[in-house]
Amino acid sequence: MGAILAGCTPTPAPDASGEEIYLQLCSRCHGEDLAGGIGPALGPGSNSASQDDEFLELTITRGRGRMPAFGSNLATDQMERLIGFLRERQG
């Protein structure tokens, strides 16, 4: 299933904000408000909030469990903006 989701996901615009990237690639499973759904919550107090940036980057790049890999969809600066958005929302 993960490979199917990744294959149907368009690559974000090169100048997309972290929030735009999140909404395009992540919100379907993690919720627009980061509260979770199919995937776990990513907002304040979540397990994600207690992980370091390297863990998040590795998870986004390679996938984890049912989550597909998005490494081929994101450039380094896009990954940084996405993680920055998550950190901002996590407080």
N, C-alpha and C. Protein backbone atom coordinates (compact mmCIF):
# COMPACT_ATOMS: atom_id res chain seq x y z
N MET A 1 0.82 -1.18 0.00
CA MET A 1 0.00 0.00 0.00
C MET A 1 0.87 1.26 0.00
N GLY A 2 1.97 1.27 0.78
CA GLY A 2 2.84 2.43 0.85
C GLY A 2 3.39 2.81 -0.52
N ALA A 3 3.81 1.83 -1.29
CA ALA A 3 4.36 2.12 -2.62
C ALA A 3 3.30 2.71 -3.52
N ILE A 4 2.07 2.27 -3.35
CA ILE A 4 0.98 2.81 -4.15
C ILE A 4 0.76 4.28 -3.81
N LEU A 5 0.72 4.60 -2.52
CA LEU A 5 0.52 6.00 -2.11
C LEU A 5 1.65 6.88 -2.60
N ALA A 6 2.88 6.42 -2.46
CA ALA A 6 4.03 7.22 -2.89
C ALA A 6 3.99 7.44 -4.40
N GLY A 7 3.59 6.44 -5.14
CA GLY A 7 3.55 6.55 -6.59
C GLY A 7 2.48 7.52 -7.08
N CYS A 8 1.45 7.75 -6.29
CA CYS A 8 0.37 8.66 -6.66
C CYS A 8 0.59 10.07 -6.13
N THR A 9 1.66 10.28 -5.43
CA THR A 9 1.90 11.57 -4.80
C THR A 9 2.78 12.43 -5.69
N PRO A 10 2.28 13.59 -6.10
CA PRO A 10 3.10 14.48 -6.92
C PRO A 10 4.21 15.12 -6.11
N THR A 11 5.24 15.52 -6.78
CA THR A 11 6.35 16.20 -6.13
C THR A 11 5.95 17.64 -5.85
N PRO A 12 6.17 18.13 -4.62
CA PRO A 12 5.82 19.52 -4.30
C PRO A 12 6.62 20.50 -5.16
N ALA A 13 6.07 21.69 -5.34
CA ALA A 13 6.78 22.75 -6.06
C ALA A 13 8.11 23.04 -5.35
N PRO A 14 9.16 23.34 -6.10
CA PRO A 14 10.47 23.58 -5.48
C PRO A 14 10.46 24.64 -4.39
N ASP A 15 9.60 25.64 -4.52
CA ASP A 15 9.56 26.72 -3.53
C ASP A 15 8.41 26.58 -2.54
N ALA A 16 7.80 25.40 -2.46
CA ALA A 16 6.67 25.19 -1.55
C ALA A 16 7.12 25.39 -0.10
N SER A 17 6.24 25.99 0.68
CA SER A 17 6.53 26.17 2.10
C SER A 17 6.43 24.82 2.81
N GLY A 18 6.93 24.76 4.04
CA GLY A 18 6.81 23.54 4.83
C GLY A 18 5.36 23.14 5.03
N GLU A 19 4.51 24.13 5.26
CA GLU A 19 3.09 23.85 5.43
C GLU A 19 2.48 23.30 4.15
N GLU A 20 2.83 23.89 3.01
CA GLU A 20 2.31 23.39 1.73
C GLU A 20 2.76 21.96 1.47
N ILE A 21 4.01 21.67 1.78
CA ILE A 21 4.52 20.30 1.60
C ILE A 21 3.77 19.35 2.51
N TYR A 22 3.59 19.75 3.77
CA TYR A 22 2.84 18.91 4.71
C TYR A 22 1.43 18.63 4.20
N LEU A 23 0.74 19.67 3.79
CA LEU A 23 -0.63 19.50 3.32
C LEU A 23 -0.69 18.60 2.09
N GLN A 24 0.29 18.69 1.22
CA GLN A 24 0.30 17.88 0.00
C GLN A 24 0.69 16.43 0.27
N LEU A 25 1.69 16.21 1.10
CA LEU A 25 2.22 14.85 1.27
C LEU A 25 1.79 14.14 2.54
N CYS A 26 1.49 14.87 3.59
CA CYS A 26 1.36 14.25 4.91
C CYS A 26 -0.05 14.29 5.51
N SER A 27 -0.80 15.35 5.20
CA SER A 27 -2.06 15.58 5.88
C SER A 27 -3.10 14.49 5.64
N ARG A 28 -3.02 13.83 4.51
CA ARG A 28 -3.98 12.77 4.20
C ARG A 28 -3.97 11.69 5.29
N CYS A 29 -2.81 11.40 5.82
CA CYS A 29 -2.71 10.34 6.84
C CYS A 29 -2.53 10.89 8.26
N HIS A 30 -1.85 12.02 8.39
CA HIS A 30 -1.55 12.56 9.72
C HIS A 30 -2.50 13.67 10.14
N GLY A 31 -3.45 14.04 9.28
CA GLY A 31 -4.44 15.06 9.58
C GLY A 31 -3.95 16.46 9.30
N GLU A 32 -4.84 17.30 8.82
CA GLU A 32 -4.47 18.69 8.52
C GLU A 32 -3.99 19.42 9.76
N ASP A 33 -4.49 19.01 10.94
CA ASP A 33 -4.11 19.66 12.19
C ASP A 33 -3.04 18.88 12.96
N LEU A 34 -2.41 17.89 12.32
CA LEU A 34 -1.36 17.04 12.88
C LEU A 34 -1.87 16.15 14.01
N ALA A 35 -3.20 15.98 14.10
CA ALA A 35 -3.79 15.20 15.19
C ALA A 35 -3.81 13.69 14.92
N GLY A 36 -3.40 13.27 13.74
CA GLY A 36 -3.37 11.86 13.41
C GLY A 36 -4.62 11.43 12.68
N GLY A 37 -4.65 10.19 12.33
CA GLY A 37 -5.75 9.58 11.57
C GLY A 37 -5.30 8.19 11.20
N ILE A 38 -5.02 7.98 9.92
CA ILE A 38 -4.43 6.71 9.48
C ILE A 38 -3.04 6.58 10.08
N GLY A 39 -2.29 7.67 10.07
CA GLY A 39 -0.97 7.72 10.67
C GLY A 39 -1.03 8.37 12.04
N PRO A 40 0.03 8.26 12.81
CA PRO A 40 0.02 8.82 14.16
C PRO A 40 0.00 10.35 14.16
N ALA A 41 -0.37 10.90 15.30
CA ALA A 41 -0.34 12.34 15.51
C ALA A 41 1.11 12.83 15.41
N LEU A 42 1.27 14.05 14.92
CA LEU A 42 2.60 14.66 14.80
C LEU A 42 2.70 15.98 15.56
N GLY A 43 1.62 16.39 16.21
CA GLY A 43 1.58 17.69 16.88
C GLY A 43 2.22 17.69 18.25
N PRO A 44 1.96 18.75 19.03
CA PRO A 44 2.51 18.88 20.38
C PRO A 44 2.18 17.66 21.24
N GLY A 45 3.15 17.19 21.99
CA GLY A 45 2.95 16.05 22.87
C GLY A 45 3.02 14.69 22.19
N SER A 46 3.16 14.67 20.87
CA SER A 46 3.22 13.40 20.15
C SER A 46 4.61 12.77 20.27
N ASN A 47 4.70 11.51 19.93
CA ASN A 47 5.99 10.83 19.89
C ASN A 47 6.94 11.55 18.93
N SER A 48 6.40 12.03 17.83
CA SER A 48 7.20 12.75 16.84
C SER A 48 7.87 13.98 17.44
N ALA A 49 7.15 14.67 18.31
CA ALA A 49 7.68 15.89 18.93
C ALA A 49 8.89 15.60 19.82
N SER A 50 8.98 14.39 20.33
CA SER A 50 10.10 14.05 21.21
C SER A 50 11.30 13.46 20.47
N GLN A 51 11.17 13.25 19.16
CA GLN A 51 12.26 12.71 18.35
C GLN A 51 13.13 13.84 17.81
N ASP A 52 14.39 13.53 17.51
CA ASP A 52 15.26 14.56 16.94
C ASP A 52 15.01 14.70 15.43
N ASP A 53 15.54 15.78 14.87
CA ASP A 53 15.32 16.07 13.45
C ASP A 53 15.85 14.95 12.55
N GLU A 54 16.95 14.34 12.93
CA GLU A 54 17.53 13.26 12.12
C GLU A 54 16.55 12.08 12.02
N PHE A 55 15.89 11.76 13.12
CA PHE A 55 14.89 10.69 13.11
C PHE A 55 13.75 11.03 12.16
N LEU A 56 13.25 12.28 12.24
CA LEU A 56 12.17 12.69 11.35
C LEU A 56 12.60 12.62 9.89
N GLU A 57 13.79 13.11 9.60
CA GLU A 57 14.28 13.09 8.22
C GLU A 57 14.40 11.65 7.71
N LEU A 58 14.93 10.78 8.51
CA LEU A 58 15.08 9.38 8.13
C LEU A 58 13.70 8.74 7.89
N THR A 59 12.76 9.03 8.77
CA THR A 59 11.41 8.48 8.62
C THR A 59 10.74 8.99 7.35
N ILE A 60 10.84 10.29 7.10
CA ILE A 60 10.23 10.86 5.90
C ILE A 60 10.91 10.32 4.64
N THR A 61 12.21 10.21 4.67
CA THR A 61 12.98 9.77 3.51
C THR A 61 12.74 8.30 3.18
N ARG A 62 12.78 7.45 4.19
CA ARG A 62 12.71 6.00 3.97
C ARG A 62 11.35 5.37 4.23
N GLY A 63 10.48 6.10 4.94
CA GLY A 63 9.21 5.53 5.34
C GLY A 63 9.38 4.75 6.63
N ARG A 64 8.27 4.35 7.22
CA ARG A 64 8.31 3.58 8.46
C ARG A 64 6.98 2.85 8.58
N GLY A 65 7.03 1.54 8.82
CA GLY A 65 5.79 0.78 8.91
C GLY A 65 5.00 0.89 7.61
N ARG A 66 3.75 1.33 7.70
CA ARG A 66 2.90 1.49 6.50
C ARG A 66 3.15 2.80 5.77
N MET A 67 3.93 3.67 6.38
CA MET A 67 4.19 4.97 5.75
C MET A 67 5.15 4.80 4.58
N PRO A 68 4.79 5.34 3.42
CA PRO A 68 5.68 5.25 2.27
C PRO A 68 6.89 6.17 2.41
N ALA A 69 7.91 5.90 1.64
CA ALA A 69 9.10 6.75 1.59
C ALA A 69 8.84 7.96 0.70
N PHE A 70 9.30 9.13 1.13
CA PHE A 70 9.13 10.35 0.34
C PHE A 70 10.47 10.96 -0.05
N GLY A 71 11.56 10.21 0.12
CA GLY A 71 12.88 10.72 -0.22
C GLY A 71 13.01 11.16 -1.66
N SER A 72 12.36 10.47 -2.58
CA SER A 72 12.47 10.83 -3.99
C SER A 72 11.55 12.00 -4.35
N ASN A 73 10.66 12.39 -3.43
CA ASN A 73 9.74 13.50 -3.68
C ASN A 73 10.26 14.84 -3.17
N LEU A 74 11.29 14.82 -2.32
CA LEU A 74 11.72 16.04 -1.64
C LEU A 74 13.21 16.32 -1.81
N ALA A 75 13.52 17.56 -2.14
CA ALA A 75 14.92 18.02 -2.14
C ALA A 75 15.30 18.34 -0.69
N THR A 76 16.58 18.48 -0.44
CA THR A 76 17.07 18.74 0.91
C THR A 76 16.42 19.97 1.54
N ASP A 77 16.33 21.06 0.79
CA ASP A 77 15.73 22.28 1.36
C ASP A 77 14.23 22.11 1.61
N GLN A 78 13.56 21.31 0.82
CA GLN A 78 12.14 21.04 1.07
C GLN A 78 11.98 20.22 2.35
N MET A 79 12.86 19.25 2.55
CA MET A 79 12.83 18.44 3.76
C MET A 79 13.04 19.34 4.99
N GLU A 80 13.98 20.27 4.89
CA GLU A 80 14.24 21.19 5.99
C GLU A 80 13.03 22.06 6.29
N ARG A 81 12.35 22.53 5.25
CA ARG A 81 11.15 23.35 5.45
C ARG A 81 10.02 22.53 6.07
N LEU A 82 9.88 21.28 5.64
CA LEU A 82 8.85 20.42 6.20
C LEU A 82 9.11 20.16 7.68
N ILE A 83 10.32 19.79 8.02
CA ILE A 83 10.65 19.53 9.43
C ILE A 83 10.52 20.82 10.24
N GLY A 84 10.93 21.95 9.67
CA GLY A 84 10.77 23.24 10.35
C GLY A 84 9.30 23.53 10.65
N PHE A 85 8.42 23.24 9.69
CA PHE A 85 6.98 23.42 9.89
C PHE A 85 6.50 22.53 11.03
N LEU A 86 6.90 21.26 11.03
CA LEU A 86 6.49 20.36 12.10
C LEU A 86 6.95 20.88 13.46
N ARG A 87 8.20 21.30 13.55
CA ARG A 87 8.74 21.82 14.81
C ARG A 87 8.00 23.08 15.27
N GLU A 88 7.67 23.94 14.33
CA GLU A 88 6.95 25.15 14.67
C GLU A 88 5.58 24.80 15.26
N ARG A 89 4.90 23.87 14.63
CA ARG A 89 3.56 23.47 15.10
C ARG A 89 3.63 22.67 16.39
N GLN A 90 4.74 21.94 16.60
CA GLN A 90 4.89 21.15 17.82
C GLN A 90 5.19 22.03 19.03
N GLY A 91 5.60 23.26 18.76
CA GLY A 91 5.90 24.20 19.86
C GLY A 91 7.29 24.05 20.28
